[in-house]
Protein backbone atom coordinates (compact mmCIF):
# COMPACT_ATOMS: atom_id res chain seq x y z
CA MET A 1 53.06 51.80 126.09
CA VAL A 2 55.96 50.46 128.21
CA ASN A 3 59.34 52.16 128.04
CA LEU A 4 62.49 51.27 129.99
CA LYS A 5 65.69 53.33 129.91
CA GLU A 6 68.74 51.79 131.58
CA LEU A 7 66.62 50.39 134.41
CA THR A 8 68.82 49.01 137.19
CA LYS A 9 68.19 47.08 140.39
CA THR A 10 70.74 45.85 142.92
CA TYR A 11 70.47 43.79 146.09
CA ASN A 12 72.67 43.17 149.13
CA LYS A 13 73.68 46.84 149.37
CA GLY A 14 74.66 46.99 145.73
CA SER A 15 76.83 43.87 145.66
CA LEU A 16 74.40 41.91 143.48
CA THR A 17 73.11 43.44 140.24
CA ALA A 18 69.83 41.78 139.30
CA VAL A 19 68.88 44.20 136.51
CA ASP A 20 71.76 45.85 134.67
CA LYS A 21 70.77 48.96 132.67
CA VAL A 22 67.92 47.29 130.81
CA SER A 23 66.28 49.27 128.01
CA PHE A 24 63.43 48.31 125.69
CA GLU A 25 60.02 49.49 124.47
CA VAL A 26 56.72 47.65 124.12
CA SER A 27 54.06 49.01 121.78
CA LYS A 28 50.32 49.13 122.45
CA GLY A 29 48.62 45.80 121.74
CA GLU A 30 51.90 43.89 121.54
CA LEU A 31 52.57 40.48 123.09
CA PHE A 32 56.13 40.85 124.36
CA GLY A 33 58.14 38.03 125.91
CA LEU A 34 60.98 38.32 128.43
CA ILE A 35 62.85 35.05 127.98
CA GLY A 36 65.54 33.75 130.31
CA PRO A 37 66.43 31.20 133.02
CA ASP A 38 65.77 31.53 136.75
CA GLY A 39 67.79 34.37 138.24
CA ALA A 40 68.03 36.28 134.97
CA GLY A 41 66.22 39.34 136.38
CA LYS A 42 62.76 38.85 134.86
CA THR A 43 60.78 39.07 138.12
CA SER A 44 62.74 42.12 139.33
CA ILE A 45 61.89 43.94 136.08
CA PHE A 46 58.20 43.08 136.38
CA ARG A 47 58.06 44.09 140.04
CA MET A 48 59.59 47.47 139.22
CA LEU A 49 57.22 48.05 136.30
CA THR A 50 54.25 47.26 138.56
CA THR A 51 55.61 49.62 141.28
CA LEU A 52 56.30 46.87 143.82
CA LEU A 53 60.06 47.61 143.75
CA LEU A 54 61.92 50.88 143.47
CA PRO A 55 64.69 50.97 140.85
CA ASP A 56 68.22 51.93 141.84
CA GLY A 57 68.91 53.58 138.50
CA GLY A 58 67.37 54.47 135.17
CA SER A 59 63.70 55.17 134.50
CA ALA A 60 60.57 53.56 133.11
CA THR A 61 57.03 54.46 132.16
CA VAL A 62 53.92 52.30 131.83
CA ASP A 63 51.05 53.69 129.79
CA GLY A 64 52.74 57.09 130.01
CA PHE A 65 53.04 57.04 133.81
CA ASP A 66 56.39 57.11 135.63
CA ILE A 67 56.91 54.01 137.78
CA VAL A 68 58.13 56.10 140.74
CA LYS A 69 56.15 59.35 140.59
CA ASP A 70 52.88 57.95 139.27
CA TYR A 71 52.67 54.64 141.10
CA LYS A 72 49.02 55.12 142.09
CA GLN A 73 47.89 55.58 138.49
CA ILE A 74 49.91 52.56 137.36
CA ARG A 75 48.39 50.33 140.01
CA ASN A 76 44.92 51.26 138.76
CA THR A 77 45.68 50.60 135.09
CA VAL A 78 47.82 47.43 135.04
CA GLY A 79 47.11 43.79 135.76
CA TYR A 80 49.80 41.69 137.43
CA MET A 81 49.98 37.94 137.79
CA PRO A 82 53.03 36.95 139.88
CA GLY A 83 54.89 33.71 139.38
CA ARG A 84 53.74 32.29 142.69
CA PHE A 85 50.01 31.73 143.23
CA SER A 86 49.06 34.63 145.50
CA LEU A 87 45.27 34.59 145.72
CA TYR A 88 43.37 33.86 148.92
CA GLN A 89 43.43 30.08 149.19
CA ASP A 90 40.69 29.93 151.83
CA LEU A 91 38.28 31.87 149.61
CA THR A 92 36.32 30.19 146.85
CA VAL A 93 36.88 30.88 143.15
CA GLU A 94 33.88 33.22 143.05
CA GLU A 95 34.82 34.99 146.29
CA ASN A 96 38.36 35.71 145.04
CA LEU A 97 37.05 37.17 141.80
CA LYS A 98 34.46 39.34 143.57
CA PHE A 99 37.07 40.57 146.05
CA PHE A 100 39.48 41.77 143.37
CA ALA A 101 36.66 43.39 141.42
CA THR A 102 35.64 45.28 144.57
CA VAL A 103 39.22 46.46 145.17
CA PHE A 104 39.13 48.21 141.79
CA ASN A 105 35.58 49.57 142.26
CA THR A 106 34.12 47.43 139.52
CA THR A 107 32.04 44.27 139.18
CA ILE A 108 32.51 40.92 137.50
CA GLU A 109 29.59 41.69 135.20
CA GLU A 110 31.05 45.01 134.01
CA ASN A 111 34.11 43.43 132.38
CA TYR A 112 32.81 39.89 131.98
CA HIS A 113 33.54 39.98 128.24
CA LEU A 114 37.26 40.04 129.06
CA ILE A 115 37.24 36.97 131.26
CA LYS A 116 34.33 35.03 129.76
CA ASP A 117 36.39 32.53 127.72
CA ILE A 118 38.60 31.83 130.72
CA TYR A 119 35.99 31.89 133.46
CA ILE A 120 33.65 29.39 131.80
CA GLN A 121 36.40 26.79 132.25
CA ILE A 122 36.56 27.30 136.02
CA GLU A 123 32.91 28.27 136.65
CA PRO A 124 31.92 24.65 137.47
CA PHE A 125 34.32 24.95 140.43
CA LYS A 126 33.26 28.44 141.55
CA THR A 127 32.34 27.21 145.05
CA ARG A 128 35.64 25.36 145.51
CA ARG A 129 38.35 26.97 147.61
CA ALA A 130 41.21 28.33 145.52
CA GLY A 131 43.78 26.31 147.43
CA LYS A 132 42.07 23.08 146.32
CA LEU A 133 42.30 23.83 142.58
CA SER A 134 44.72 22.13 140.20
CA GLY A 135 47.75 24.06 138.94
CA GLY A 136 46.14 24.91 135.62
CA MET A 137 42.89 26.04 137.24
CA LYS A 138 44.80 28.24 139.69
CA GLN A 139 46.51 29.99 136.79
CA LYS A 140 43.19 30.60 135.05
CA LEU A 141 41.67 32.03 138.21
CA ALA A 142 44.72 34.26 138.76
CA LEU A 143 44.45 35.52 135.17
CA CYS A 144 40.74 36.30 135.67
CA CYS A 145 41.56 38.30 138.81
CA ALA A 146 44.28 40.21 136.95
CA LEU A 147 41.82 41.09 134.16
CA VAL A 148 38.64 41.86 136.11
CA HIS A 149 39.35 45.64 136.23
CA LYS A 150 40.13 45.86 132.47
CA PRO A 151 43.85 46.73 132.60
CA THR A 152 45.59 48.47 129.71
CA VAL A 153 48.80 46.49 130.33
CA LEU A 154 48.98 42.92 131.63
CA PHE A 155 52.15 41.59 133.31
CA LEU A 156 52.41 37.80 133.57
CA ASP A 157 55.44 36.51 135.46
CA GLU A 158 56.20 32.91 134.42
CA PRO A 159 52.47 32.04 134.20
CA THR A 160 53.00 28.49 132.89
CA THR A 161 55.80 27.31 135.18
CA GLY A 162 54.87 23.97 136.71
CA VAL A 163 51.71 23.67 134.61
CA ASP A 164 50.98 20.61 132.46
CA ALA A 165 51.44 20.75 128.67
CA VAL A 166 47.71 20.92 127.88
CA SER A 167 47.14 23.82 130.30
CA ARG A 168 50.16 25.63 128.88
CA LYS A 169 48.72 25.38 125.38
CA GLU A 170 45.31 26.58 126.57
CA PHE A 171 46.88 29.48 128.44
CA TRP A 172 48.70 30.79 125.36
CA GLU A 173 45.52 30.49 123.31
CA MET A 174 43.83 32.69 125.91
CA LEU A 175 46.60 35.27 125.61
CA LYS A 176 46.08 35.47 121.86
CA LYS A 177 42.40 36.26 122.40
CA LEU A 178 43.26 38.94 124.98
CA LYS A 179 45.72 40.49 122.55
CA GLU A 180 42.93 40.72 119.97
CA GLN A 181 41.02 42.88 122.47
CA GLY A 182 43.83 45.45 122.46
CA ILE A 183 45.48 44.59 125.78
CA THR A 184 49.25 45.01 125.85
CA ILE A 185 50.80 41.86 127.33
CA LEU A 186 54.26 41.35 128.81
CA VAL A 187 55.00 37.76 129.74
CA SER A 188 58.14 36.23 131.21
CA THR A 189 59.07 32.58 130.82
CA PRO A 190 62.07 30.25 131.13
CA TYR A 191 60.59 28.03 128.40
CA MET A 192 62.34 28.77 125.12
CA ASP A 193 59.62 27.08 123.04
CA GLU A 194 57.12 29.69 124.26
CA ALA A 195 59.24 32.48 122.76
CA THR A 196 57.91 31.74 119.28
CA LEU A 197 54.38 32.55 120.49
CA CYS A 198 55.28 36.20 121.14
CA ASP A 199 55.33 39.13 118.70
CA ARG A 200 58.77 40.17 119.95
CA ILE A 201 61.09 38.84 122.62
CA ALA A 202 64.00 39.98 124.76
CA LEU A 203 66.54 37.32 125.70
CA ILE A 204 67.92 38.09 129.15
CA GLN A 205 70.70 36.58 131.25
CA SER A 206 72.32 37.86 134.47
CA GLY A 207 70.28 41.05 134.32
CA LYS A 208 71.44 42.00 130.83
CA ILE A 209 69.54 41.95 127.54
CA LEU A 210 71.30 39.73 125.00
CA SER A 211 68.98 40.40 122.05
CA ILE A 212 65.61 42.00 121.25
CA ASP A 213 63.71 41.20 118.07
CA THR A 214 60.99 39.00 116.63
CA PRO A 215 61.58 35.27 117.18
CA GLU A 216 61.99 34.83 113.41
CA GLN A 217 64.61 37.56 113.17
CA ILE A 218 66.60 36.19 116.11
CA ILE A 219 66.63 32.71 114.60
CA GLY A 220 67.47 34.17 111.19
CA SER A 221 70.48 36.01 112.63
CA TYR A 222 72.12 32.75 113.75
CA LYS A 223 75.50 32.60 112.03
CA GLY A 224 77.09 29.38 110.85
CA ASN A 225 75.79 25.86 110.38
CA LEU A 226 74.33 23.87 113.27
CA TYR A 227 74.48 20.07 113.42
CA ALA A 228 72.71 17.41 115.48
CA ILE A 229 74.67 14.29 116.39
CA LYS A 230 74.09 11.13 118.44
CA SER A 231 75.64 7.72 118.97
CA ASN A 232 75.27 4.62 121.11
CA LYS A 233 77.28 6.32 123.91
CA ILE A 234 75.77 9.77 124.28
CA TYR A 235 77.63 10.83 127.45
CA GLN A 236 80.99 9.76 126.08
CA LEU A 237 80.05 11.42 122.81
CA LEU A 238 79.67 14.78 124.53
CA LYS A 239 83.14 14.46 126.06
CA ASP A 240 84.77 13.35 122.80
CA VAL A 241 83.15 16.05 120.67
CA HIS A 242 84.29 18.70 123.14
CA GLN A 243 87.84 17.44 122.74
CA TYR A 244 87.65 17.53 118.94
CA ALA A 245 89.87 20.36 117.71
CA GLU A 246 87.36 21.89 115.28
CA THR A 247 84.45 22.04 117.74
CA LEU A 248 83.28 25.55 118.55
CA SER A 249 80.39 24.54 120.84
CA CYS A 250 78.59 21.36 121.84
CA TYR A 251 75.71 20.78 124.26
CA ALA A 252 72.91 18.32 124.95
CA PHE A 253 69.63 18.92 123.12
CA GLY A 254 67.03 16.20 123.65
CA GLU A 255 68.31 12.84 122.37
CA TYR A 256 70.97 14.62 120.28
CA LEU A 257 73.93 16.87 120.86
CA HIS A 258 74.01 20.18 119.01
CA ILE A 259 77.38 21.08 117.61
CA GLN A 260 78.87 23.99 115.71
CA PHE A 261 82.29 23.92 114.05
CA LYS A 262 84.86 26.71 114.10
CA ASN A 263 84.56 27.06 110.32
CA ASN A 264 82.21 25.94 107.55
CA ASN A 265 84.67 23.51 105.94
CA THR A 266 82.70 21.04 103.81
CA GLU A 267 84.87 18.19 105.13
CA ASN A 268 83.93 18.80 108.78
CA GLU A 269 81.21 16.15 108.85
CA THR A 270 83.38 13.40 107.36
CA LEU A 271 86.37 14.26 109.55
CA LEU A 272 84.27 14.27 112.74
CA ILE A 273 82.64 10.93 111.92
CA ASN A 274 86.03 9.34 111.28
CA TYR A 275 87.37 10.79 114.53
CA LEU A 276 84.42 9.40 116.51
CA LYS A 277 84.66 5.95 114.91
CA GLN A 278 88.24 5.80 116.15
CA LYS A 279 86.81 6.51 119.61
CA ASP A 280 84.65 3.38 119.22
CA HIS A 281 81.32 5.16 118.71
CA ARG A 282 78.67 3.19 116.82
CA ASN A 283 75.27 4.01 115.27
CA LEU A 284 76.48 7.51 114.55
CA THR A 285 73.99 10.02 113.15
CA LEU A 286 75.14 13.48 112.08
CA LYS A 287 72.85 15.90 110.28
CA GLN A 288 72.48 19.62 109.77
CA THR A 289 69.59 21.10 111.77
CA ILE A 290 67.65 24.36 111.98
CA PRO A 291 68.49 26.52 115.04
CA THR A 292 65.86 27.19 117.68
CA ILE A 293 65.52 30.11 120.09
CA GLU A 294 67.34 27.97 122.67
CA ASP A 295 70.28 27.51 120.29
CA CYS A 296 70.38 31.26 119.68
CA PHE A 297 70.27 31.92 123.43
CA ILE A 298 73.15 29.54 124.14
CA LYS A 299 75.20 31.07 121.32
CA LEU A 300 74.63 34.58 122.64
CA MET A 301 75.60 33.49 126.18
CA THR A 302 78.84 31.90 125.06
CA SER A 303 79.92 34.42 122.42
């Protein structure tokens, strides 16, 4: 459905590589996540796949169409929701939806089954101008506009950034329902917890793919034991653990620090606790913990 082969994009006359020979495939009906921080290259990839940017190298197809040669066909068959709200803020909810339906020579009624579950949540505000909607409502309206022409592939660029937790949860529930209708969905996000909601994910940093697999397989491939530790002096704890000779990596993770040792010596826990007590740390808690996608991402970045 979507196929990238060494896709490359540079800026500033080639001095900045935003997308560095990225290759992956997305199957029909799959919910695929592109996971990475700001500046990782996610938006550049999406803009090339939706024919808004020309690649500097490599190739890609969407629904069998080449992103350079067949840009007109791609624009008629895909739905794209950019990271920044880009609808007409002076138009009402209903006017925006009718406008985008008209652009694609269709009507709201023709594909209403696709947007019904989403639209009923914003229908009470259909006469309100789009610019006056809340963040969550804006995202739902933007998704309706991206779906109104019944796309075969839906590109969502950081759709939940800046949205409250309840709206984020609702948004992902909507994506599951769309997937059940056979729409192929590519979504980008900087939120590592959203990775587990995808069928497969690609972890990306500095324009390069670090890993592609199911969230379960990526977590399962984490090598070594991971520990969570905290004390009464968390900032000093981070400094002291970094200075400990057997520490391989250590970083903040919520109220704990996550730490991995250079080897799996069974005495590591006892030795570290003794070391930290000598540094005057109190209320020490050290326990083995299960890695998350974020832990896997950090390990891949630093390995």
